[in-house]
Amino acid sequence: MNPLIELEELCGLFPEADGQPLYASAEHVARESTPPPYHAMLVHEHHMTVTMERYHDCAVDVDVIASRSVDDLYARKIVLRKHGREQAVQFGIVRFNFQYVTQRVREQIEAGQIPLGRVLIQHNVLRHIDLGAIVRFEAGPGLARYLQMNEGEETYGRMATIFCNGAPAVDLLEISAPLSR
């Protein structure tokens, strides 16, 4: 699937309440063209929770902005923040099929108190992360608000799928707050 179509589909799960766009523009970029330090932050097959904690040298907290659930399908829009602080480090949208995890994992994810990657790691869910695409974003009003950046400012994100116990269970959009070069 075209990553920009998939991007629109994920963003369409949670349109901005004020009708303003999340981003002004989005461009799929080649992995090898991703500039530093975004390349190290995004071009890998590891949980972004761990990567963000390592980069920012602190734990991260999850702030669930919105969520929705229908049967085994769950989606949420989140911001990861430096532990105990308001500083945003990542915006994300997650779509999860709970068929592939235990009831306890589902309950912890739906509770919204622990970042998704940390829940999967703590419960030792057999997982593989398939990096789909790297996307360059120009912030619109939504990203500017969530990531505490200026409208029009540039940042990068990624689209990925997490396979849980061998099945494609999670679709992800993960956008980094602007990083110093």
N, C-alpha and C. Protein backbone atom coordinates (compact mmCIF):
# COMPACT_ATOMS: atom_id res chain seq x y z
N MET A 1 0.84 -1.19 0.00
CA MET A 1 0.00 0.00 0.00
C MET A 1 0.89 1.25 0.00
N ASN A 2 0.42 2.28 -0.64
CA ASN A 2 1.11 3.56 -0.66
C ASN A 2 1.15 4.12 0.76
N PRO A 3 2.35 4.45 1.29
CA PRO A 3 2.43 4.90 2.69
C PRO A 3 1.64 6.19 2.96
N LEU A 4 1.50 7.06 1.97
CA LEU A 4 0.75 8.29 2.22
C LEU A 4 -0.75 8.03 2.29
N ILE A 5 -1.22 7.01 1.59
CA ILE A 5 -2.63 6.62 1.71
C ILE A 5 -2.86 6.00 3.09
N GLU A 6 -1.93 5.14 3.52
CA GLU A 6 -2.01 4.54 4.85
C GLU A 6 -1.94 5.61 5.94
N LEU A 7 -1.10 6.63 5.73
CA LEU A 7 -1.00 7.75 6.65
C LEU A 7 -2.35 8.44 6.80
N GLU A 8 -2.99 8.73 5.68
CA GLU A 8 -4.31 9.38 5.70
C GLU A 8 -5.34 8.52 6.41
N GLU A 9 -5.25 7.21 6.19
CA GLU A 9 -6.20 6.28 6.84
C GLU A 9 -6.03 6.32 8.36
N LEU A 10 -4.79 6.26 8.85
CA LEU A 10 -4.56 6.31 10.29
C LEU A 10 -4.98 7.67 10.87
N CYS A 11 -4.60 8.75 10.21
CA CYS A 11 -4.97 10.08 10.70
C CYS A 11 -6.49 10.28 10.67
N GLY A 12 -7.15 9.62 9.71
CA GLY A 12 -8.60 9.72 9.60
C GLY A 12 -9.33 9.09 10.77
N LEU A 13 -8.65 8.23 11.54
CA LEU A 13 -9.27 7.65 12.73
C LEU A 13 -9.56 8.71 13.79
N PHE A 14 -8.74 9.77 13.79
CA PHE A 14 -8.85 10.81 14.81
C PHE A 14 -8.69 12.19 14.17
N PRO A 15 -9.69 12.65 13.43
CA PRO A 15 -9.57 14.00 12.85
C PRO A 15 -9.48 15.04 13.97
N GLU A 16 -8.79 16.11 13.69
CA GLU A 16 -8.64 17.18 14.67
C GLU A 16 -10.01 17.80 14.97
N ALA A 17 -10.29 17.99 16.24
CA ALA A 17 -11.60 18.49 16.69
C ALA A 17 -11.93 19.86 16.09
N ASP A 18 -10.91 20.68 15.89
CA ASP A 18 -11.16 22.03 15.38
C ASP A 18 -11.18 22.08 13.84
N GLY A 19 -11.06 20.92 13.21
CA GLY A 19 -11.09 20.87 11.74
C GLY A 19 -9.79 21.26 11.07
N GLN A 20 -8.81 21.71 11.86
CA GLN A 20 -7.51 22.10 11.31
C GLN A 20 -6.71 20.84 10.98
N PRO A 21 -5.79 20.92 10.01
CA PRO A 21 -5.01 19.73 9.65
C PRO A 21 -3.92 19.42 10.69
N LEU A 22 -3.61 18.14 10.79
CA LEU A 22 -2.52 17.69 11.66
C LEU A 22 -1.19 18.19 11.10
N TYR A 23 -1.02 18.05 9.78
CA TYR A 23 0.23 18.46 9.14
C TYR A 23 -0.08 19.24 7.87
N ALA A 24 0.86 20.12 7.50
CA ALA A 24 0.69 20.92 6.29
C ALA A 24 1.07 20.13 5.05
N SER A 25 2.11 19.29 5.17
CA SER A 25 2.51 18.43 4.06
C SER A 25 3.23 17.21 4.61
N ALA A 26 3.21 16.15 3.80
CA ALA A 26 3.90 14.91 4.16
C ALA A 26 4.52 14.35 2.89
N GLU A 27 5.76 13.91 3.01
CA GLU A 27 6.49 13.36 1.86
C GLU A 27 7.21 12.08 2.27
N HIS A 28 6.96 11.02 1.54
CA HIS A 28 7.65 9.74 1.77
C HIS A 28 9.09 9.93 1.31
N VAL A 29 10.05 9.60 2.18
CA VAL A 29 11.47 9.74 1.83
C VAL A 29 12.16 8.39 1.96
N ALA A 30 13.19 8.19 1.16
CA ALA A 30 13.98 6.96 1.23
C ALA A 30 14.67 6.88 2.58
N ARG A 31 14.76 5.69 3.11
CA ARG A 31 15.42 5.50 4.41
C ARG A 31 16.82 6.09 4.41
N GLU A 32 17.57 5.81 3.34
CA GLU A 32 18.95 6.29 3.29
C GLU A 32 19.06 7.81 3.13
N SER A 33 17.95 8.46 2.77
CA SER A 33 17.93 9.92 2.65
C SER A 33 17.48 10.62 3.93
N THR A 34 17.12 9.84 4.94
CA THR A 34 16.67 10.43 6.20
C THR A 34 17.87 11.09 6.89
N PRO A 35 17.77 12.39 7.18
CA PRO A 35 18.94 13.09 7.75
C PRO A 35 19.16 12.73 9.22
N PRO A 36 20.42 12.92 9.67
CA PRO A 36 20.69 12.74 11.09
C PRO A 36 20.07 13.91 11.86
N PRO A 37 19.68 13.77 13.08
CA PRO A 37 19.68 12.55 13.88
C PRO A 37 18.44 11.69 13.69
N TYR A 38 17.54 12.12 12.78
CA TYR A 38 16.30 11.36 12.56
C TYR A 38 16.57 9.94 12.06
N HIS A 39 17.61 9.77 11.27
CA HIS A 39 17.92 8.44 10.75
C HIS A 39 18.11 7.46 11.91
N ALA A 40 18.93 7.82 12.88
CA ALA A 40 19.16 6.93 14.03
C ALA A 40 17.90 6.75 14.86
N MET A 41 17.07 7.78 14.92
CA MET A 41 15.86 7.73 15.73
C MET A 41 14.76 6.87 15.09
N LEU A 42 14.71 6.84 13.75
CA LEU A 42 13.56 6.23 13.09
C LEU A 42 13.85 5.00 12.24
N VAL A 43 15.04 4.90 11.68
CA VAL A 43 15.33 3.82 10.73
C VAL A 43 15.90 2.62 11.48
N HIS A 44 15.00 1.84 12.06
CA HIS A 44 15.36 0.63 12.81
C HIS A 44 14.09 -0.19 13.03
N GLU A 45 14.25 -1.36 13.57
CA GLU A 45 13.11 -2.23 13.83
C GLU A 45 13.01 -2.51 15.33
N HIS A 46 13.03 -1.43 16.11
CA HIS A 46 12.92 -1.51 17.57
C HIS A 46 11.74 -0.65 18.01
N HIS A 47 11.32 -0.82 19.25
CA HIS A 47 10.23 0.00 19.79
C HIS A 47 10.69 1.45 19.94
N MET A 48 9.84 2.37 19.53
CA MET A 48 10.18 3.79 19.67
C MET A 48 10.22 4.20 21.14
N THR A 49 9.48 3.53 22.00
CA THR A 49 9.54 3.83 23.43
C THR A 49 10.99 3.75 23.91
N VAL A 50 11.64 2.64 23.61
CA VAL A 50 13.03 2.42 24.03
C VAL A 50 13.96 3.42 23.36
N THR A 51 13.75 3.64 22.07
CA THR A 51 14.60 4.57 21.32
C THR A 51 14.47 5.99 21.86
N MET A 52 13.25 6.42 22.15
CA MET A 52 13.04 7.77 22.70
C MET A 52 13.69 7.89 24.08
N GLU A 53 13.53 6.86 24.91
CA GLU A 53 14.13 6.91 26.24
C GLU A 53 15.65 6.99 26.16
N ARG A 54 16.23 6.25 25.25
CA ARG A 54 17.68 6.26 25.09
C ARG A 54 18.14 7.63 24.57
N TYR A 55 17.48 8.16 23.55
CA TYR A 55 17.88 9.43 22.95
C TYR A 55 17.76 10.58 23.96
N HIS A 56 16.64 10.60 24.69
CA HIS A 56 16.37 11.72 25.61
C HIS A 56 16.91 11.46 27.02
N ASP A 57 17.51 10.31 27.23
CA ASP A 57 18.13 9.94 28.50
C ASP A 57 17.17 10.06 29.68
N CYS A 58 15.94 9.59 29.48
CA CYS A 58 14.94 9.56 30.55
C CYS A 58 13.79 8.66 30.13
N ALA A 59 13.01 8.22 31.09
CA ALA A 59 11.80 7.45 30.79
C ALA A 59 10.79 8.37 30.11
N VAL A 60 9.81 7.77 29.44
CA VAL A 60 8.75 8.56 28.82
C VAL A 60 7.40 8.13 29.38
N ASP A 61 6.49 9.08 29.43
CA ASP A 61 5.11 8.84 29.87
C ASP A 61 4.21 8.96 28.65
N VAL A 62 3.10 8.24 28.68
CA VAL A 62 2.14 8.31 27.59
C VAL A 62 0.96 9.19 28.01
N ASP A 63 0.54 10.05 27.11
CA ASP A 63 -0.63 10.90 27.28
C ASP A 63 -1.60 10.51 26.17
N VAL A 64 -2.68 9.81 26.51
CA VAL A 64 -3.66 9.38 25.52
C VAL A 64 -4.61 10.55 25.26
N ILE A 65 -4.58 11.05 24.03
CA ILE A 65 -5.40 12.20 23.64
C ILE A 65 -6.82 11.74 23.30
N ALA A 66 -6.91 10.61 22.61
CA ALA A 66 -8.21 10.05 22.21
C ALA A 66 -8.03 8.56 21.97
N SER A 67 -9.11 7.81 22.17
CA SER A 67 -9.08 6.38 21.87
C SER A 67 -10.46 5.94 21.43
N ARG A 68 -10.48 4.81 20.76
CA ARG A 68 -11.75 4.21 20.33
C ARG A 68 -11.55 2.71 20.22
N SER A 69 -12.64 1.98 20.44
CA SER A 69 -12.55 0.53 20.45
C SER A 69 -13.83 -0.07 19.88
N VAL A 70 -13.67 -1.07 19.02
CA VAL A 70 -14.79 -1.84 18.49
C VAL A 70 -14.36 -3.30 18.48
N ASP A 71 -15.01 -4.09 19.33
CA ASP A 71 -14.66 -5.51 19.49
C ASP A 71 -13.17 -5.63 19.82
N ASP A 72 -12.40 -6.35 18.97
CA ASP A 72 -10.98 -6.54 19.23
C ASP A 72 -10.10 -5.45 18.62
N LEU A 73 -10.69 -4.48 17.95
CA LEU A 73 -9.91 -3.41 17.32
C LEU A 73 -9.90 -2.18 18.22
N TYR A 74 -8.70 -1.68 18.47
CA TYR A 74 -8.51 -0.55 19.36
C TYR A 74 -7.57 0.44 18.68
N ALA A 75 -7.86 1.71 18.81
CA ALA A 75 -6.98 2.74 18.26
C ALA A 75 -6.86 3.86 19.27
N ARG A 76 -5.69 4.52 19.23
CA ARG A 76 -5.52 5.68 20.09
C ARG A 76 -4.54 6.66 19.47
N LYS A 77 -4.74 7.92 19.85
CA LYS A 77 -3.84 9.02 19.46
C LYS A 77 -3.13 9.43 20.73
N ILE A 78 -1.79 9.50 20.68
CA ILE A 78 -1.01 9.74 21.90
C ILE A 78 0.10 10.76 21.69
N VAL A 79 0.60 11.24 22.81
CA VAL A 79 1.85 12.00 22.85
C VAL A 79 2.71 11.34 23.92
N LEU A 80 3.95 11.06 23.60
CA LEU A 80 4.93 10.62 24.60
C LEU A 80 5.63 11.87 25.12
N ARG A 81 5.78 11.93 26.45
CA ARG A 81 6.42 13.07 27.09
C ARG A 81 7.56 12.59 27.97
N LYS A 82 8.57 13.44 28.15
CA LYS A 82 9.62 13.12 29.09
C LYS A 82 8.98 12.88 30.46
N HIS A 83 9.44 11.86 31.15
CA HIS A 83 8.85 11.46 32.42
C HIS A 83 8.73 12.63 33.39
N GLY A 84 7.50 12.85 33.87
CA GLY A 84 7.25 13.89 34.86
C GLY A 84 7.29 15.30 34.33
N ARG A 85 7.39 15.46 33.00
CA ARG A 85 7.48 16.80 32.40
C ARG A 85 6.44 16.94 31.30
N GLU A 86 6.23 18.14 30.88
CA GLU A 86 5.29 18.42 29.80
C GLU A 86 5.94 18.33 28.42
N GLN A 87 7.27 18.21 28.36
CA GLN A 87 7.97 18.24 27.08
C GLN A 87 7.63 17.01 26.23
N ALA A 88 7.01 17.26 25.08
CA ALA A 88 6.64 16.20 24.15
C ALA A 88 7.86 15.72 23.38
N VAL A 89 7.95 14.40 23.18
CA VAL A 89 9.04 13.85 22.38
C VAL A 89 8.51 13.09 21.15
N GLN A 90 7.23 12.69 21.18
CA GLN A 90 6.68 11.94 20.05
C GLN A 90 5.16 12.03 20.03
N PHE A 91 4.62 12.15 18.81
CA PHE A 91 3.18 12.04 18.56
C PHE A 91 2.95 10.70 17.88
N GLY A 92 1.83 10.07 18.15
CA GLY A 92 1.57 8.81 17.48
C GLY A 92 0.10 8.45 17.38
N ILE A 93 -0.18 7.61 16.40
CA ILE A 93 -1.49 6.98 16.27
C ILE A 93 -1.23 5.48 16.14
N VAL A 94 -1.97 4.71 16.92
CA VAL A 94 -1.81 3.27 16.98
C VAL A 94 -3.15 2.63 16.65
N ARG A 95 -3.12 1.59 15.82
CA ARG A 95 -4.31 0.76 15.57
C ARG A 95 -3.91 -0.67 15.91
N PHE A 96 -4.58 -1.29 16.89
CA PHE A 96 -4.18 -2.57 17.45
C PHE A 96 -5.31 -3.59 17.32
N ASN A 97 -4.98 -4.78 16.82
CA ASN A 97 -5.91 -5.90 16.80
C ASN A 97 -5.57 -6.78 17.99
N PHE A 98 -6.42 -6.77 18.99
CA PHE A 98 -6.15 -7.48 20.25
C PHE A 98 -6.28 -9.00 20.15
N GLN A 99 -6.65 -9.53 19.01
CA GLN A 99 -6.75 -10.99 18.86
C GLN A 99 -5.43 -11.69 19.15
N TYR A 100 -4.33 -10.99 19.01
CA TYR A 100 -3.01 -11.63 19.05
C TYR A 100 -2.27 -11.47 20.37
N VAL A 101 -2.96 -10.95 21.39
CA VAL A 101 -2.32 -10.78 22.71
C VAL A 101 -3.27 -11.26 23.81
N THR A 102 -2.73 -11.40 25.01
CA THR A 102 -3.54 -11.86 26.14
C THR A 102 -4.48 -10.77 26.63
N GLN A 103 -5.45 -11.18 27.42
CA GLN A 103 -6.40 -10.23 28.01
C GLN A 103 -5.67 -9.23 28.91
N ARG A 104 -4.66 -9.68 29.64
CA ARG A 104 -3.90 -8.78 30.53
C ARG A 104 -3.17 -7.70 29.73
N VAL A 105 -2.56 -8.06 28.61
CA VAL A 105 -1.89 -7.08 27.75
C VAL A 105 -2.92 -6.08 27.24
N ARG A 106 -4.05 -6.59 26.78
CA ARG A 106 -5.13 -5.72 26.29
C ARG A 106 -5.55 -4.72 27.37
N GLU A 107 -5.78 -5.22 28.57
CA GLU A 107 -6.22 -4.35 29.67
C GLU A 107 -5.20 -3.25 29.97
N GLN A 108 -3.93 -3.59 29.96
CA GLN A 108 -2.90 -2.58 30.25
C GLN A 108 -2.82 -1.54 29.14
N ILE A 109 -2.96 -1.98 27.90
CA ILE A 109 -2.92 -1.02 26.79
C ILE A 109 -4.14 -0.10 26.85
N GLU A 110 -5.31 -0.67 27.06
CA GLU A 110 -6.52 0.15 27.12
C GLU A 110 -6.51 1.10 28.32
N ALA A 111 -5.82 0.73 29.41
CA ALA A 111 -5.74 1.61 30.58
C ALA A 111 -4.99 2.90 30.25
N GLY A 112 -4.09 2.87 29.26
CA GLY A 112 -3.42 4.09 28.80
C GLY A 112 -2.43 4.69 29.77
N GLN A 113 -1.89 3.90 30.69
CA GLN A 113 -0.94 4.42 31.68
C GLN A 113 0.52 4.15 31.32
N ILE A 114 0.75 3.18 30.45
CA ILE A 114 2.11 2.75 30.10
C ILE A 114 2.24 2.79 28.58
N PRO A 115 3.35 3.30 28.04
CA PRO A 115 3.53 3.29 26.58
C PRO A 115 3.41 1.87 26.02
N LEU A 116 2.86 1.76 24.83
CA LEU A 116 2.61 0.48 24.16
C LEU A 116 3.84 -0.41 24.13
N GLY A 117 4.97 0.12 23.69
CA GLY A 117 6.19 -0.68 23.59
C GLY A 117 6.59 -1.27 24.93
N ARG A 118 6.45 -0.48 26.00
CA ARG A 118 6.81 -0.95 27.33
C ARG A 118 5.90 -2.10 27.77
N VAL A 119 4.59 -2.01 27.47
CA VAL A 119 3.66 -3.09 27.82
C VAL A 119 4.06 -4.38 27.11
N LEU A 120 4.34 -4.29 25.81
CA LEU A 120 4.71 -5.49 25.06
C LEU A 120 6.02 -6.10 25.57
N ILE A 121 6.97 -5.25 25.92
CA ILE A 121 8.25 -5.73 26.45
C ILE A 121 8.03 -6.38 27.82
N GLN A 122 7.30 -5.72 28.70
CA GLN A 122 7.08 -6.25 30.06
C GLN A 122 6.38 -7.60 30.04
N HIS A 123 5.49 -7.80 29.06
CA HIS A 123 4.74 -9.05 28.99
C HIS A 123 5.41 -10.07 28.06
N ASN A 124 6.60 -9.73 27.59
CA ASN A 124 7.38 -10.62 26.74
C ASN A 124 6.58 -11.15 25.55
N VAL A 125 5.80 -10.25 24.93
CA VAL A 125 5.04 -10.62 23.75
C VAL A 125 6.05 -10.81 22.61
N LEU A 126 6.02 -11.98 22.00
CA LEU A 126 6.90 -12.25 20.87
C LEU A 126 6.52 -11.29 19.76
N ARG A 127 7.45 -10.42 19.36
CA ARG A 127 7.10 -9.37 18.41
C ARG A 127 8.25 -9.09 17.45
N HIS A 128 7.86 -8.59 16.31
CA HIS A 128 8.80 -8.13 15.28
C HIS A 128 8.23 -6.84 14.73
N ILE A 129 9.07 -5.84 14.55
CA ILE A 129 8.62 -4.56 14.02
C ILE A 129 9.10 -4.43 12.58
N ASP A 130 8.15 -4.23 11.68
CA ASP A 130 8.42 -4.08 10.26
C ASP A 130 8.31 -2.60 9.91
N LEU A 131 9.45 -1.97 9.64
CA LEU A 131 9.47 -0.56 9.26
C LEU A 131 8.89 -0.41 7.87
N GLY A 132 7.81 0.36 7.77
CA GLY A 132 7.14 0.54 6.49
C GLY A 132 7.69 1.71 5.69
N ALA A 133 7.70 2.90 6.27
CA ALA A 133 8.11 4.09 5.52
C ALA A 133 8.57 5.18 6.47
N ILE A 134 9.46 6.01 5.97
CA ILE A 134 9.88 7.23 6.65
C ILE A 134 9.17 8.39 5.95
N VAL A 135 8.65 9.32 6.75
CA VAL A 135 7.88 10.43 6.19
C VAL A 135 8.42 11.75 6.77
N ARG A 136 8.64 12.71 5.87
CA ARG A 136 9.02 14.07 6.29
C ARG A 136 7.73 14.87 6.42
N PHE A 137 7.55 15.53 7.55
CA PHE A 137 6.34 16.32 7.81
C PHE A 137 6.67 17.80 7.94
N GLU A 138 5.78 18.61 7.41
CA GLU A 138 5.76 20.03 7.71
C GLU A 138 4.57 20.21 8.64
N ALA A 139 4.82 20.71 9.83
CA ALA A 139 3.77 20.77 10.85
C ALA A 139 2.62 21.67 10.45
N GLY A 140 1.43 21.17 10.66
CA GLY A 140 0.22 21.96 10.60
C GLY A 140 -0.14 22.34 12.03
N PRO A 141 -1.32 22.89 12.24
CA PRO A 141 -1.72 23.30 13.58
C PRO A 141 -1.72 22.14 14.59
N GLY A 142 -2.13 20.96 14.18
CA GLY A 142 -2.19 19.81 15.10
C GLY A 142 -0.82 19.40 15.61
N LEU A 143 0.11 19.11 14.69
CA LEU A 143 1.46 18.71 15.12
C LEU A 143 2.13 19.83 15.90
N ALA A 144 1.91 21.07 15.50
CA ALA A 144 2.51 22.20 16.23
C ALA A 144 2.04 22.18 17.68
N ARG A 145 0.77 21.92 17.88
CA ARG A 145 0.21 21.89 19.24
C ARG A 145 0.73 20.67 20.02
N TYR A 146 0.67 19.48 19.42
CA TYR A 146 1.05 18.25 20.14
C TYR A 146 2.54 18.17 20.43
N LEU A 147 3.36 18.63 19.47
CA LEU A 147 4.82 18.48 19.63
C LEU A 147 5.51 19.78 20.03
N GLN A 148 4.73 20.81 20.37
CA GLN A 148 5.27 22.07 20.85
C GLN A 148 6.31 22.62 19.87
N MET A 149 5.87 22.70 18.60
CA MET A 149 6.73 23.20 17.54
C MET A 149 5.98 24.28 16.78
N ASN A 150 6.64 24.94 15.85
CA ASN A 150 6.02 25.98 15.05
C ASN A 150 5.34 25.39 13.83
N GLU A 151 4.20 25.97 13.45
CA GLU A 151 3.58 25.57 12.20
C GLU A 151 4.59 25.80 11.07
N GLY A 152 4.66 24.85 10.15
CA GLY A 152 5.60 24.95 9.04
C GLY A 152 6.96 24.36 9.35
N GLU A 153 7.27 24.13 10.63
CA GLU A 153 8.54 23.53 11.01
C GLU A 153 8.56 22.07 10.54
N GLU A 154 9.74 21.58 10.23
CA GLU A 154 9.92 20.23 9.69
C GLU A 154 10.31 19.24 10.77
N THR A 155 9.76 18.03 10.64
CA THR A 155 10.18 16.90 11.47
C THR A 155 9.95 15.63 10.67
N TYR A 156 10.34 14.51 11.24
CA TYR A 156 10.23 13.22 10.55
C TYR A 156 9.50 12.21 11.42
N GLY A 157 8.90 11.26 10.75
CA GLY A 157 8.21 10.19 11.44
C GLY A 157 8.32 8.91 10.65
N ARG A 158 7.67 7.89 11.18
CA ARG A 158 7.70 6.61 10.48
C ARG A 158 6.35 5.91 10.60
N MET A 159 6.12 5.04 9.63
CA MET A 159 4.97 4.14 9.63
C MET A 159 5.56 2.75 9.82
N ALA A 160 4.94 1.95 10.65
CA ALA A 160 5.46 0.61 10.92
C ALA A 160 4.32 -0.33 11.28
N THR A 161 4.61 -1.61 11.23
CA THR A 161 3.68 -2.65 11.66
C THR A 161 4.40 -3.51 12.70
N ILE A 162 3.71 -3.78 13.80
CA ILE A 162 4.25 -4.70 14.80
C ILE A 162 3.54 -6.03 14.62
N PHE A 163 4.33 -7.07 14.45
CA PHE A 163 3.81 -8.43 14.39
C PHE A 163 3.89 -9.00 15.79
N CYS A 164 2.77 -9.44 16.34
CA CYS A 164 2.72 -10.05 17.67
C CYS A 164 2.44 -11.53 17.48
N ASN A 165 3.32 -12.36 18.02
CA ASN A 165 3.17 -13.81 17.90
C ASN A 165 2.95 -14.22 16.44
N GLY A 166 3.69 -13.55 15.53
CA GLY A 166 3.69 -13.90 14.12
C GLY A 166 2.60 -13.28 13.27
N ALA A 167 1.69 -12.51 13.87
CA ALA A 167 0.59 -11.91 13.11
C ALA A 167 0.70 -10.38 13.10
N PRO A 168 0.33 -9.74 11.98
CA PRO A 168 0.37 -8.27 11.92
C PRO A 168 -0.72 -7.69 12.81
N ALA A 169 -0.34 -7.26 14.01
CA ALA A 169 -1.32 -6.85 15.01
C ALA A 169 -1.46 -5.35 15.19
N VAL A 170 -0.40 -4.58 14.89
CA VAL A 170 -0.41 -3.16 15.21
C VAL A 170 0.09 -2.35 14.01
N ASP A 171 -0.68 -1.33 13.64
CA ASP A 171 -0.24 -0.34 12.65
C ASP A 171 0.11 0.92 13.42
N LEU A 172 1.25 1.52 13.07
CA LEU A 172 1.75 2.67 13.83
C LEU A 172 2.09 3.86 12.94
N LEU A 173 1.81 5.03 13.45
CA LEU A 173 2.36 6.28 12.95
C LEU A 173 3.09 6.88 14.14
N GLU A 174 4.39 7.13 14.00
CA GLU A 174 5.20 7.68 15.09
C GLU A 174 5.99 8.86 14.54
N ILE A 175 5.72 10.05 15.08
CA ILE A 175 6.36 11.28 14.60
C ILE A 175 7.19 11.88 15.73
N SER A 176 8.46 12.06 15.47
CA SER A 176 9.37 12.63 16.45
C SER A 176 9.17 14.13 16.58
N ALA A 177 9.29 14.63 17.80
CA ALA A 177 9.39 16.08 17.99
C ALA A 177 10.67 16.52 17.27
N PRO A 178 10.76 17.78 16.84
CA PRO A 178 11.98 18.23 16.17
C PRO A 178 13.23 17.95 17.01
N LEU A 179 14.29 17.49 16.33
CA LEU A 179 15.54 17.15 16.98
C LEU A 179 16.65 18.07 16.50
N SER A 180 17.59 18.35 17.36
CA SER A 180 18.75 19.15 16.98
C SER A 180 19.65 18.34 16.07
N ARG A 181 20.22 19.01 15.09
CA ARG A 181 21.13 18.30 14.17
C ARG A 181 22.54 18.45 14.62
